[in-house]
Every structure is written in structure tokens, then in C-alpha cells.
PDB file of N, CA and C in Angstrom:
ATOM      1  N   MET A   1     -68.440 -54.840 -52.814  1.00  0.00           N
ATOM      2  CA  MET A   1     -68.495 -53.392 -52.774  1.00  0.00           C
ATOM      3  C   MET A   1     -69.551 -52.928 -53.764  1.00  0.00           C
ATOM      4  N   GLY A   2     -70.377 -51.989 -53.336  1.00  0.00           N
ATOM      5  CA  GLY A   2     -71.378 -51.466 -54.222  1.00  0.00           C
ATOM      6  C   GLY A   2     -71.674 -50.016 -53.932  1.00  0.00           C
ATOM      7  N   LYS A   3     -71.981 -49.288 -54.985  1.00  0.00           N
ATOM      8  CA  LYS A   3     -72.381 -47.894 -54.812  1.00  0.00           C
ATOM      9  C   LYS A   3     -73.838 -47.867 -54.401  1.00  0.00           C
ATOM     10  N   VAL A   4     -74.166 -46.952 -53.496  1.00  0.00           N
ATOM     11  CA  VAL A   4     -75.542 -46.811 -53.040  1.00  0.00           C
ATOM     12  C   VAL A   4     -75.917 -45.335 -53.067  1.00  0.00           C
ATOM     13  N   ASN A   5     -77.183 -45.088 -53.305  1.00  0.00           N
ATOM     14  CA  ASN A   5     -77.724 -43.735 -53.203  1.00  0.00           C
ATOM     15  C   ASN A   5     -78.270 -43.567 -51.793  1.00  0.00           C
ATOM     16  N   LEU A   6     -77.915 -42.457 -51.154  1.00  0.00           N
ATOM     17  CA  LEU A   6     -78.302 -42.230 -49.772  1.00  0.00           C
ATOM     18  C   LEU A   6     -79.120 -40.951 -49.650  1.00  0.00           C
ATOM     19  N   LEU A   7     -80.061 -40.980 -48.751  1.00  0.00           N
ATOM     20  CA  LEU A   7     -80.755 -39.777 -48.312  1.00  0.00           C
ATOM     21  C   LEU A   7     -80.274 -39.541 -46.885  1.00  0.00           C
ATOM     22  N   VAL A   8     -79.624 -38.418 -46.659  1.00  0.00           N
ATOM     23  CA  VAL A   8     -79.076 -38.101 -45.348  1.00  0.00           C
ATOM     24  C   VAL A   8     -79.849 -36.914 -44.784  1.00  0.00           C
ATOM     25  N   LYS A   9     -80.341 -37.076 -43.564  1.00  0.00           N
ATOM     26  CA  LYS A   9     -81.031 -35.993 -42.865  1.00  0.00           C
ATOM     27  C   LYS A   9     -80.417 -35.893 -41.483  1.00  0.00           C
ATOM     28  N   TYR A  10     -80.149 -34.670 -41.067  1.00  0.00           N
ATOM     29  CA  TYR A  10     -79.713 -34.501 -39.699  1.00  0.00           C
ATOM     30  C   TYR A  10     -80.196 -33.189 -39.134  1.00  0.00           C
ATOM     31  N   CYS A  11     -80.317 -33.192 -37.834  1.00  0.00           N
ATOM     32  CA  CYS A  11     -80.729 -32.003 -37.102  1.00  0.00           C
ATOM     33  C   CYS A  11     -79.734 -31.835 -35.965  1.00  0.00           C
ATOM     34  N   LEU A  12     -78.908 -30.810 -36.084  1.00  0.00           N
ATOM     35  CA  LEU A  12     -77.933 -30.500 -35.057  1.00  0.00           C
ATOM     36  C   LEU A  12     -78.381 -29.222 -34.367  1.00  0.00           C
ATOM     37  N   ILE A  13     -77.574 -28.709 -33.506  1.00  0.00           N
ATOM     38  CA  ILE A  13     -77.945 -27.485 -32.796  1.00  0.00           C
ATOM     39  C   ILE A  13     -78.184 -26.372 -33.810  1.00  0.00           C
ATOM     40  N   ASN A  14     -79.409 -25.898 -33.877  1.00  0.00           N
ATOM     41  CA  ASN A  14     -79.796 -24.792 -34.779  1.00  0.00           C
ATOM     42  C   ASN A  14     -79.462 -25.047 -36.241  1.00  0.00           C
ATOM     43  N   GLN A  15     -79.357 -26.284 -36.657  1.00  0.00           N
ATOM     44  CA  GLN A  15     -79.008 -26.572 -38.050  1.00  0.00           C
ATOM     45  C   GLN A  15     -79.726 -27.844 -38.501  1.00  0.00           C
ATOM     46  N   LYS A  16     -80.494 -27.717 -39.572  1.00  0.00           N
ATOM     47  CA  LYS A  16     -81.148 -28.872 -40.178  1.00  0.00           C
ATOM     48  C   LYS A  16     -80.642 -28.984 -41.602  1.00  0.00           C
ATOM     49  N   ASN A  17     -80.434 -30.198 -42.040  1.00  0.00           N
ATOM     50  CA  ASN A  17     -79.945 -30.404 -43.393  1.00  0.00           C
ATOM     51  C   ASN A  17     -80.511 -31.701 -43.944  1.00  0.00           C
ATOM     52  N   GLU A  18     -80.708 -31.729 -45.248  1.00  0.00           N
ATOM     53  CA  GLU A  18     -81.193 -32.923 -45.934  1.00  0.00           C
ATOM     54  C   GLU A  18     -80.609 -32.900 -47.336  1.00  0.00           C
ATOM     55  N   TYR A  19     -80.021 -34.026 -47.748  1.00  0.00           N
ATOM     56  CA  TYR A  19     -79.445 -34.080 -49.087  1.00  0.00           C
ATOM     57  C   TYR A  19     -79.341 -35.522 -49.569  1.00  0.00           C
ATOM     58  N   ASN A  20     -79.259 -35.676 -50.872  1.00  0.00           N
ATOM     59  CA  ASN A  20     -79.005 -36.972 -51.500  1.00  0.00           C
ATOM     60  C   ASN A  20     -77.537 -37.024 -51.871  1.00  0.00           C
ATOM     61  N   ILE A  21     -76.938 -38.182 -51.693  1.00  0.00           N
ATOM     62  CA  ILE A  21     -75.510 -38.339 -51.953  1.00  0.00           C
ATOM     63  C   ILE A  21     -75.235 -39.794 -52.326  1.00  0.00           C
ATOM     64  N   LYS A  22     -74.141 -40.025 -52.984  1.00  0.00           N
ATOM     65  CA  LYS A  22     -73.718 -41.397 -53.288  1.00  0.00           C
ATOM     66  C   LYS A  22     -72.729 -41.853 -52.223  1.00  0.00           C
ATOM     67  N   GLY A  23     -72.811 -43.124 -51.881  1.00  0.00           N
ATOM     68  CA  GLY A  23     -71.909 -43.713 -50.911  1.00  0.00           C
ATOM     69  C   GLY A  23     -71.459 -45.075 -51.391  1.00  0.00           C
ATOM     70  N   ILE A  24     -70.609 -45.698 -50.613  1.00  0.00           N
ATOM     71  CA  ILE A  24     -70.108 -47.030 -50.920  1.00  0.00           C
ATOM     72  C   ILE A  24     -70.491 -47.945 -49.771  1.00  0.00           C
ATOM     73  N   LEU A  25     -71.088 -49.080 -50.101  1.00  0.00           N
ATOM     74  CA  LEU A  25     -71.484 -50.075 -49.108  1.00  0.00           C
ATOM     75  C   LEU A  25     -70.535 -51.260 -49.199  1.00  0.00           C
ATOM     76  N   ILE A  26     -69.810 -51.519 -48.101  1.00  0.00           N
ATOM     77  CA  ILE A  26     -68.876 -52.648 -48.027  1.00  0.00           C
ATOM     78  C   ILE A  26     -69.089 -53.334 -46.687  1.00  0.00           C
ATOM     79  N   ASN A  27     -69.530 -54.590 -46.712  1.00  0.00           N
ATOM     80  CA  ASN A  27     -69.664 -55.399 -45.496  1.00  0.00           C
ATOM     81  C   ASN A  27     -70.313 -54.648 -44.334  1.00  0.00           C
ATOM     82  N   LYS A  28     -71.522 -54.192 -44.499  1.00  0.00           N
ATOM     83  CA  LYS A  28     -72.294 -53.510 -43.454  1.00  0.00           C
ATOM     84  C   LYS A  28     -71.751 -52.134 -43.079  1.00  0.00           C
ATOM     85  N   GLU A  29     -70.812 -51.591 -43.870  1.00  0.00           N
ATOM     86  CA  GLU A  29     -70.320 -50.233 -43.656  1.00  0.00           C
ATOM     87  C   GLU A  29     -70.687 -49.374 -44.850  1.00  0.00           C
ATOM     88  N   ILE A  30     -71.205 -48.194 -44.559  1.00  0.00           N
ATOM     89  CA  ILE A  30     -71.523 -47.226 -45.604  1.00  0.00           C
ATOM     90  C   ILE A  30     -70.559 -46.059 -45.435  1.00  0.00           C
ATOM     91  N   LYS A  31     -69.824 -45.753 -46.506  1.00  0.00           N
ATOM     92  CA  LYS A  31     -68.860 -44.654 -46.482  1.00  0.00           C
ATOM     93  C   LYS A  31     -69.340 -43.578 -47.446  1.00  0.00           C
ATOM     94  N   PHE A  32     -69.310 -42.330 -46.979  1.00  0.00           N
ATOM     95  CA  PHE A  32     -69.711 -41.208 -47.823  1.00  0.00           C
ATOM     96  C   PHE A  32     -69.047 -39.942 -47.316  1.00  0.00           C
ATOM     97  N   PHE A  33     -69.020 -38.924 -48.164  1.00  0.00           N
ATOM     98  CA  PHE A  33     -68.450 -37.638 -47.782  1.00  0.00           C
ATOM     99  C   PHE A  33     -69.567 -36.659 -47.460  1.00  0.00           C
ATOM    100  N   ASP A  34     -69.402 -35.963 -46.352  1.00  0.00           N
ATOM    101  CA  ASP A  34     -70.300 -34.887 -45.936  1.00  0.00           C
ATOM    102  C   ASP A  34     -69.441 -33.634 -45.877  1.00  0.00           C
ATOM    103  N   ASN A  35     -69.543 -32.807 -46.897  1.00  0.00           N
ATOM    104  CA  ASN A  35     -68.663 -31.650 -47.059  1.00  0.00           C
ATOM    105  C   ASN A  35     -67.210 -32.115 -47.079  1.00  0.00           C
ATOM    106  N   ASP A  36     -66.401 -31.683 -46.135  1.00  0.00           N
ATOM    107  CA  ASP A  36     -64.982 -32.041 -46.134  1.00  0.00           C
ATOM    108  C   ASP A  36     -64.646 -33.192 -45.199  1.00  0.00           C
ATOM    109  N   CYS A  37     -65.628 -33.942 -44.758  1.00  0.00           N
ATOM    110  CA  CYS A  37     -65.296 -35.033 -43.845  1.00  0.00           C
ATOM    111  C   CYS A  37     -65.830 -36.365 -44.363  1.00  0.00           C
ATOM    112  N   LEU A  38     -65.065 -37.408 -44.062  1.00  0.00           N
ATOM    113  CA  LEU A  38     -65.450 -38.768 -44.408  1.00  0.00           C
ATOM    114  C   LEU A  38     -66.328 -39.309 -43.289  1.00  0.00           C
ATOM    115  N   MET A  39     -67.467 -39.847 -43.649  1.00  0.00           N
ATOM    116  CA  MET A  39     -68.385 -40.448 -42.685  1.00  0.00           C
ATOM    117  C   MET A  39     -68.407 -41.953 -42.932  1.00  0.00           C
ATOM    118  N   ILE A  40     -68.298 -42.721 -41.859  1.00  0.00           N
ATOM    119  CA  ILE A  40     -68.348 -44.173 -41.959  1.00  0.00           C
ATOM    120  C   ILE A  40     -69.404 -44.678 -40.977  1.00  0.00           C
ATOM    121  N   LEU A  41     -70.492 -45.198 -41.517  1.00  0.00           N
ATOM    122  CA  LEU A  41     -71.565 -45.767 -40.710  1.00  0.00           C
ATOM    123  C   LEU A  41     -71.395 -47.279 -40.701  1.00  0.00           C
ATOM    124  N   ASN A  42     -71.144 -47.849 -39.535  1.00  0.00           N
ATOM    125  CA  ASN A  42     -71.047 -49.296 -39.399  1.00  0.00           C
ATOM    126  C   ASN A  42     -72.378 -49.780 -38.834  1.00  0.00           C
ATOM    127  N   LYS A  43     -73.201 -50.377 -39.702  1.00  0.00           N
ATOM    128  CA  LYS A  43     -74.541 -50.797 -39.311  1.00  0.00           C
ATOM    129  C   LYS A  43     -74.511 -52.015 -38.394  1.00  0.00           C
ATOM    130  N   GLU A  44     -73.451 -52.790 -38.433  1.00  0.00           N
ATOM    131  CA  GLU A  44     -73.338 -53.961 -37.568  1.00  0.00           C
ATOM    132  C   GLU A  44     -72.963 -53.569 -36.136  1.00  0.00           C
ATOM    133  N   LYS A  45     -72.045 -52.601 -36.002  1.00  0.00           N
ATOM    134  CA  LYS A  45     -71.583 -52.166 -34.680  1.00  0.00           C
ATOM    135  C   LYS A  45     -72.368 -50.975 -34.139  1.00  0.00           C
ATOM    136  N   ASN A  46     -73.257 -50.409 -34.956  1.00  0.00           N
ATOM    137  CA  ASN A  46     -74.052 -49.237 -34.574  1.00  0.00           C
ATOM    138  C   ASN A  46     -73.165 -48.047 -34.220  1.00  0.00           C
ATOM    139  N   THR A  47     -72.187 -47.799 -35.073  1.00  0.00           N
ATOM    140  CA  THR A  47     -71.273 -46.677 -34.859  1.00  0.00           C
ATOM    141  C   THR A  47     -71.275 -45.752 -36.069  1.00  0.00           C
ATOM    142  N   LEU A  48     -70.947 -44.501 -35.826  1.00  0.00           N
ATOM    143  CA  LEU A  48     -70.765 -43.518 -36.881  1.00  0.00           C
ATOM    144  C   LEU A  48     -69.454 -42.803 -36.612  1.00  0.00           C
ATOM    145  N   LYS A  49     -68.540 -42.877 -37.569  1.00  0.00           N
ATOM    146  CA  LYS A  49     -67.246 -42.211 -37.435  1.00  0.00           C
ATOM    147  C   LYS A  49     -67.200 -41.042 -38.402  1.00  0.00           C
ATOM    148  N   ARG A  50     -66.734 -39.920 -37.881  1.00  0.00           N
ATOM    149  CA  ARG A  50     -66.589 -38.697 -38.665  1.00  0.00           C
ATOM    150  C   ARG A  50     -65.109 -38.340 -38.654  1.00  0.00           C
ATOM    151  N   ILE A  51     -64.491 -38.335 -39.838  1.00  0.00           N
ATOM    152  CA  ILE A  51     -63.052 -38.101 -39.936  1.00  0.00           C
ATOM    153  C   ILE A  51     -62.796 -36.809 -40.704  1.00  0.00           C
ATOM    154  N   ILE A  52     -62.103 -35.890 -40.048  1.00  0.00           N
ATOM    155  CA  ILE A  52     -61.657 -34.659 -40.695  1.00  0.00           C
ATOM    156  C   ILE A  52     -60.150 -34.547 -40.487  1.00  0.00           C
ATOM    157  N   LYS A  53     -59.559 -33.523 -41.042  1.00  0.00           N
ATOM    158  CA  LYS A  53     -58.114 -33.370 -41.006  1.00  0.00           C
ATOM    159  C   LYS A  53     -57.556 -33.363 -39.575  1.00  0.00           C
ATOM    160  N   GLU A  54     -58.196 -32.647 -38.670  1.00  0.00           N
ATOM    161  CA  GLU A  54     -57.677 -32.451 -37.320  1.00  0.00           C
ATOM    162  C   GLU A  54     -58.113 -33.504 -36.313  1.00  0.00           C
ATOM    163  N   GLU A  55     -59.264 -34.159 -36.549  1.00  0.00           N
ATOM    164  CA  GLU A  55     -59.781 -35.067 -35.524  1.00  0.00           C
ATOM    165  C   GLU A  55     -60.670 -36.159 -36.095  1.00  0.00           C
ATOM    166  N   GLU A  56     -60.900 -37.155 -35.251  1.00  0.00           N
ATOM    167  CA  GLU A  56     -61.846 -38.220 -35.538  1.00  0.00           C
ATOM    168  C   GLU A  56     -62.852 -38.259 -34.394  1.00  0.00           C
ATOM    169  N   ILE A  57     -64.127 -38.356 -34.758  1.00  0.00           N
ATOM    170  CA  ILE A  57     -65.183 -38.458 -33.765  1.00  0.00           C
ATOM    171  C   ILE A  57     -65.927 -39.763 -34.021  1.00  0.00           C
ATOM    172  N   LEU A  58     -66.037 -40.587 -32.987  1.00  0.00           N
ATOM    173  CA  LEU A  58     -66.739 -41.856 -33.103  1.00  0.00           C
ATOM    174  C   LEU A  58     -67.934 -41.847 -32.162  1.00  0.00           C
ATOM    175  N   PHE A  59     -69.121 -42.012 -32.736  1.00  0.00           N
ATOM    176  CA  PHE A  59     -70.344 -42.160 -31.952  1.00  0.00           C
ATOM    177  C   PHE A  59     -70.647 -43.644 -31.862  1.00  0.00           C
ATOM    178  N   ASP A  60     -70.618 -44.184 -30.668  1.00  0.00           N
ATOM    179  CA  ASP A  60     -70.946 -45.583 -30.429  1.00  0.00           C
ATOM    180  C   ASP A  60     -72.329 -45.603 -29.787  1.00  0.00           C
ATOM    181  N   PHE A  61     -73.349 -45.795 -30.615  1.00  0.00           N
ATOM    182  CA  PHE A  61     -74.724 -45.710 -30.131  1.00  0.00           C
ATOM    183  C   PHE A  61     -75.119 -46.922 -29.297  1.00  0.00           C
ATOM    184  N   TYR A  62     -74.476 -48.056 -29.505  1.00  0.00           N
ATOM    185  CA  TYR A  62     -74.771 -49.248 -28.718  1.00  0.00           C
ATOM    186  C   TYR A  62     -74.275 -49.083 -27.275  1.00  0.00           C
ATOM    187  N   ASN A  63     -73.054 -48.580 -27.124  1.00  0.00           N
ATOM    188  CA  ASN A  63     -72.466 -48.390 -25.788  1.00  0.00           C
ATOM    189  C   ASN A  63     -72.723 -46.998 -25.213  1.00  0.00           C
ATOM    190  N   LYS A  64     -73.421 -46.155 -25.980  1.00  0.00           N
ATOM    191  CA  LYS A  64     -73.831 -44.818 -25.533  1.00  0.00           C
ATOM    192  C   LYS A  64     -72.642 -43.947 -25.129  1.00  0.00           C
ATOM    193  N   LYS A  65     -71.650 -43.911 -26.022  1.00  0.00           N
ATOM    194  CA  LYS A  65     -70.439 -43.127 -25.789  1.00  0.00           C
ATOM    195  C   LYS A  65     -70.046 -42.386 -27.052  1.00  0.00           C
ATOM    196  N   CYS A  66     -69.372 -41.272 -26.873  1.00  0.00           N
ATOM    197  CA  CYS A  66     -68.775 -40.530 -27.977  1.00  0.00           C
ATOM    198  C   CYS A  66     -67.290 -40.384 -27.672  1.00  0.00           C
ATOM    199  N   TYR A  67     -66.445 -40.688 -28.663  1.00  0.00           N
ATOM    200  CA  TYR A  67     -65.002 -40.598 -28.516  1.00  0.00           C
ATOM    201  C   TYR A  67     -64.482 -39.553 -29.495  1.00  0.00           C
ATOM    202  N   VAL A  68     -63.640 -38.671 -28.995  1.00  0.00           N
ATOM    203  CA  VAL A  68     -63.043 -37.638 -29.831  1.00  0.00           C
ATOM    204  C   VAL A  68     -61.531 -37.797 -29.736  1.00  0.00           C
ATOM    205  N   PHE A  69     -60.892 -37.939 -30.898  1.00  0.00           N
ATOM    206  CA  PHE A  69     -59.440 -38.093 -30.954  1.00  0.00           C
ATOM    207  C   PHE A  69     -58.854 -36.933 -31.744  1.00  0.00           C
ATOM    208  N   SER A  70     -57.997 -36.167 -31.087  1.00  0.00           N
ATOM    209  CA  SER A  70     -57.310 -35.054 -31.739  1.00  0.00           C
ATOM    210  C   SER A  70     -56.023 -35.578 -32.358  1.00  0.00           C
ATOM    211  N   LYS A  71     -55.901 -35.452 -33.669  1.00  0.00           N
ATOM    212  CA  LYS A  71     -54.703 -35.929 -34.363  1.00  0.00           C
ATOM    213  C   LYS A  71     -53.495 -35.047 -34.062  1.00  0.00           C
ATOM    214  N   GLU A  72     -53.728 -33.765 -33.841  1.00  0.00           N
ATOM    215  CA  GLU A  72     -52.624 -32.844 -33.591  1.00  0.00           C
ATOM    216  C   GLU A  72     -52.009 -33.056 -32.209  1.00  0.00           C
ATOM    217  N   SER A  73     -52.839 -33.183 -31.190  1.00  0.00           N
ATOM    218  CA  SER A  73     -52.321 -33.322 -29.826  1.00  0.00           C
ATOM    219  C   SER A  73     -52.237 -34.772 -29.358  1.00  0.00           C
ATOM    220  N   ASN A  74     -52.793 -35.692 -30.142  1.00  0.00           N
ATOM    221  CA  ASN A  74     -52.808 -37.117 -29.817  1.00  0.00           C
ATOM    222  C   ASN A  74     -53.567 -37.390 -28.507  1.00  0.00           C
ATOM    223  N   ILE A  75     -54.594 -36.591 -28.250  1.00  0.00           N
ATOM    224  CA  ILE A  75     -55.411 -36.736 -27.044  1.00  0.00           C
ATOM    225  C   ILE A  75     -56.751 -37.344 -27.423  1.00  0.00           C
ATOM    226  N   LYS A  76     -57.198 -38.289 -26.603  1.00  0.00           N
ATOM    227  CA  LYS A  76     -58.486 -38.938 -26.822  1.00  0.00           C
ATOM    228  C   LYS A  76     -59.356 -38.716 -25.591  1.00  0.00           C
ATOM    229  N   ILE A  77     -60.555 -38.200 -25.819  1.00  0.00           N
ATOM    230  CA  ILE A  77     -61.505 -38.029 -24.726  1.00  0.00           C
ATOM    231  C   ILE A  77     -62.788 -38.774 -25.074  1.00  0.00           C
ATOM    232  N   ASP A  78     -63.543 -39.104 -24.053  1.00  0.00           N
ATOM    233  CA  ASP A  78     -64.849 -39.714 -24.297  1.00  0.00           C
ATOM    234  C   ASP A  78     -65.849 -39.146 -23.306  1.00  0.00           C
ATOM    235  N   PHE A  79     -67.103 -39.195 -23.707  1.00  0.00           N
ATOM    236  CA  PHE A  79     -68.173 -38.727 -22.844  1.00  0.00           C
ATOM    237  C   PHE A  79     -69.450 -39.485 -23.200  1.00  0.00           C
ATOM    238  N   PRO A  80     -70.385 -39.554 -22.256  1.00  0.00           N
ATOM    239  CA  PRO A  80     -71.612 -40.315 -22.512  1.00  0.00           C
ATOM    240  C   PRO A  80     -72.582 -39.553 -23.407  1.00  0.00           C
ATOM    241  N   ILE A  81     -73.358 -40.316 -24.130  1.00  0.00           N
ATOM    242  CA  ILE A  81     -74.474 -39.774 -24.893  1.00  0.00           C
ATOM    243  C   ILE A  81     -75.729 -40.544 -24.469  1.00  0.00           C
ATOM    244  N   LYS A  82     -76.850 -39.881 -24.525  1.00  0.00           N
ATOM    245  CA  LYS A  82     -78.111 -40.528 -24.167  1.00  0.00           C
ATOM    246  C   LYS A  82     -78.875 -40.823 -25.454  1.00  0.00           C
ATOM    247  N   VAL A  83     -79.056 -42.096 -25.752  1.00  0.00           N
ATOM    248  CA  VAL A  83     -79.798 -42.504 -26.945  1.00  0.00           C
ATOM    249  C   VAL A  83     -81.282 -42.545 -26.590  1.00  0.00           C
ATOM    250  N   ILE A  84     -82.053 -41.729 -27.284  1.00  0.00           N
ATOM    251  CA  ILE A  84     -83.489 -41.613 -27.005  1.00  0.00           C
ATOM    252  C   ILE A  84     -84.293 -42.539 -27.912  1.00  0.00           C
ATOM    253  N   GLU A  85     -83.942 -42.553 -29.186  1.00  0.00           N
ATOM    254  CA  GLU A  85     -84.629 -43.382 -30.175  1.00  0.00           C
ATOM    255  C   GLU A  85     -83.588 -43.971 -31.109  1.00  0.00           C
ATOM    256  N   PHE A  86     -83.800 -45.232 -31.501  1.00  0.00           N
ATOM    257  CA  PHE A  86     -82.814 -45.888 -32.349  1.00  0.00           C
ATOM    258  C   PHE A  86     -83.518 -46.888 -33.262  1.00  0.00           C
ATOM    259  N   LYS A  87     -83.131 -46.883 -34.545  1.00  0.00           N
ATOM    260  CA  LYS A  87     -83.699 -47.819 -35.523  1.00  0.00           C
ATOM    261  C   LYS A  87     -82.606 -48.156 -36.535  1.00  0.00           C
ATOM    262  N   ASN A  88     -82.369 -49.427 -36.749  1.00  0.00           N
ATOM    263  CA  ASN A  88     -81.347 -49.874 -37.689  1.00  0.00           C
ATOM    264  C   ASN A  88     -81.902 -51.057 -38.470  1.00  0.00           C
ATOM    265  N   THR A  89     -82.317 -50.798 -39.721  1.00  0.00           N
ATOM    266  CA  THR A  89     -82.835 -51.861 -40.579  1.00  0.00           C
ATOM    267  C   THR A  89     -81.928 -51.995 -41.799  1.00  0.00           C
ATOM    268  N   ASP A  90     -82.277 -52.884 -42.713  1.00  0.00           N
ATOM    269  CA  ASP A  90     -81.478 -53.062 -43.931  1.00  0.00           C
ATOM    270  C   ASP A  90     -81.397 -51.788 -44.764  1.00  0.00           C
ATOM    271  N   LYS A  91     -82.463 -51.004 -44.766  1.00  0.00           N
ATOM    272  CA  LYS A  91     -82.539 -49.833 -45.639  1.00  0.00           C
ATOM    273  C   LYS A  91     -82.304 -48.498 -44.946  1.00  0.00           C
ATOM    274  N   ASP A  92     -82.391 -48.459 -43.626  1.00  0.00           N
ATOM    275  CA  ASP A  92     -82.196 -47.157 -42.986  1.00  0.00           C
ATOM    276  C   ASP A  92     -81.573 -47.270 -41.598  1.00  0.00           C
ATOM    277  N   PHE A  93     -81.069 -46.139 -41.153  1.00  0.00           N
ATOM    278  CA  PHE A  93     -80.428 -46.000 -39.845  1.00  0.00           C
ATOM    279  C   PHE A  93     -80.915 -44.676 -39.275  1.00  0.00           C
ATOM    280  N   TYR A  94     -81.532 -44.724 -38.106  1.00  0.00           N
ATOM    281  CA  TYR A  94     -82.051 -43.513 -37.479  1.00  0.00           C
ATOM    282  C   TYR A  94     -81.669 -43.512 -36.008  1.00  0.00           C
ATOM    283  N   VAL A  95     -81.197 -42.375 -35.542  1.00  0.00           N
ATOM    284  CA  VAL A  95     -80.898 -42.239 -34.121  1.00  0.00           C
ATOM    285  C   VAL A  95     -81.226 -40.817 -33.668  1.00  0.00           C
ATOM    286  N   LYS A  96     -81.845 -40.729 -32.506  1.00  0.00           N
ATOM    287  CA  LYS A  96     -82.089 -39.454 -31.831  1.00  0.00           C
ATOM    288  C   LYS A  96     -81.354 -39.570 -30.504  1.00  0.00           C
ATOM    289  N   TYR A  97     -80.484 -38.600 -30.232  1.00  0.00           N
ATOM    290  CA  TYR A  97     -79.670 -38.700 -29.024  1.00  0.00           C
ATOM    291  C   TYR A  97     -79.415 -37.321 -28.426  1.00  0.00           C
ATOM    292  N   LYS A  98     -78.982 -37.329 -27.165  1.00  0.00           N
ATOM    293  CA  LYS A  98     -78.691 -36.097 -26.444  1.00  0.00           C
ATOM    294  C   LYS A  98     -77.248 -36.122 -25.957  1.00  0.00           C
ATOM    295  N   ILE A  99     -76.625 -34.966 -26.054  1.00  0.00           N
ATOM    296  CA  ILE A  99     -75.339 -34.728 -25.414  1.00  0.00           C
ATOM    297  C   ILE A  99     -75.571 -33.531 -24.511  1.00  0.00           C
ATOM    298  N   ASP A 100     -75.391 -33.728 -23.232  1.00  0.00           N
ATOM    299  CA  ASP A 100     -75.788 -32.740 -22.230  1.00  0.00           C
ATOM    300  C   ASP A 100     -77.276 -32.462 -22.434  1.00  0.00           C
ATOM    301  N   GLU A 101     -77.648 -31.243 -22.697  1.00  0.00           N
ATOM    302  CA  GLU A 101     -79.056 -30.923 -22.925  1.00  0.00           C
ATOM    303  C   GLU A 101     -79.368 -30.669 -24.402  1.00  0.00           C
ATOM    304  N   ASN A 102     -78.416 -30.916 -25.266  1.00  0.00           N
ATOM    305  CA  ASN A 102     -78.596 -30.681 -26.702  1.00  0.00           C
ATOM    306  C   ASN A 102     -79.097 -31.939 -27.389  1.00  0.00           C
ATOM    307  N   LEU A 103     -80.157 -31.781 -28.183  1.00  0.00           N
ATOM    308  CA  LEU A 103     -80.793 -32.892 -28.879  1.00  0.00           C
ATOM    309  C   LEU A 103     -80.322 -32.942 -30.331  1.00  0.00           C
ATOM    310  N   PHE A 104     -79.991 -34.148 -30.806  1.00  0.00           N
ATOM    311  CA  PHE A 104     -79.516 -34.358 -32.171  1.00  0.00           C
ATOM    312  C   PHE A 104     -80.301 -35.489 -32.810  1.00  0.00           C
ATOM    313  N   GLU A 105     -80.453 -35.432 -34.138  1.00  0.00           N
ATOM    314  CA  GLU A 105     -81.077 -36.513 -34.899  1.00  0.00           C
ATOM    315  C   GLU A 105     -80.260 -36.776 -36.153  1.00  0.00           C
ATOM    316  N   LEU A 106     -80.206 -38.035 -36.535  1.00  0.00           N
ATOM    317  CA  LEU A 106     -79.506 -38.422 -37.762  1.00  0.00           C
ATOM    318  C   LEU A 106     -80.283 -39.554 -38.411  1.00  0.00           C
ATOM    319  N   MET A 107     -80.532 -39.427 -39.724  1.00  0.00           N
ATOM    320  CA  MET A 107     -81.161 -40.496 -40.485  1.00  0.00           C
ATOM    321  C   MET A 107     -80.393 -40.679 -41.780  1.00  0.00           C
ATOM    322  N   ILE A 108     -80.007 -41.914 -42.046  1.00  0.00           N
ATOM    323  CA  ILE A 108     -79.359 -42.271 -43.298  1.00  0.00           C
ATOM    324  C   ILE A 108     -80.171 -43.390 -43.914  1.00  0.00           C
ATOM    325  N   GLU A 109     -80.700 -43.145 -45.094  1.00  0.00           N
ATOM    326  CA  GLU A 109     -81.575 -44.105 -45.767  1.00  0.00           C
ATOM    327  C   GLU A 109     -80.984 -44.474 -47.119  1.00  0.00           C
ATOM    328  N   ILE A 110     -80.921 -45.777 -47.384  1.00  0.00           N
ATOM    329  CA  ILE A 110     -80.496 -46.257 -48.704  1.00  0.00           C
ATOM    330  C   ILE A 110     -81.704 -46.175 -49.630  1.00  0.00           C
ATOM    331  N   ILE A 111     -81.570 -45.392 -50.725  1.00  0.00           N
ATOM    332  CA  ILE A 111     -82.704 -45.225 -51.634  1.00  0.00           C
ATOM    333  C   ILE A 111     -82.405 -45.822 -53.001  1.00  0.00           C
TER     334      ILE A 111
END
């Protein structure tokens, strides 16, 4: 287990953000907090899990699927995502993807 400094950049619908944050690297998984949610990037499985009080969202970039699990209703749904660009190296993780017609980008870099 080791602490890592991260540079996180993302572009969501009408929202761009960039910040430095500390995370924990354990066996190819990087865990960090983004506001009130726990983010878990599994670099080996190419997944990003976002955990908040009400739900869990798992982006599986390898299988091109997004899974949403509602903790309150115990309902799980999934839908396809289109991966446009993908890069996963020792120091960074970058993905550009589409859900319906909405374009998203995420970059997490170990600095």
C-alpha cells in the first residue's frame, strides 16, 4: 500500500474540472475521494467505480458497459458505452467515451 499524488481531469456534460489529490495505490487499484464519493480505479481490469451513499456506478471500459446499482431500491441496470480513446500506462489512465450522444473524458495521472 502506498500513498500517491494524483492529477485528476475530467470533462462531463457542461462541466470541466482539474485538481490534485492524494490517493492510495494497492495492487493496481487507486482509491481516492472526489467530493463526497469514493472512486476506485482498477488499472488491471480497466474499471472505474464511483460509490456514493445512494448508489454505485461501475464503468467497465474493457467490456464497454456501465452498471448502476441503487442501494435503496436494490435495482441494477446496465447500458452500453462507446469507448472512443483509451490509454492505460503505469503512470496514467485516460479514457474518452460516449453515452448516447454525450461525450465524456477522464484522465488520472500519478504525479
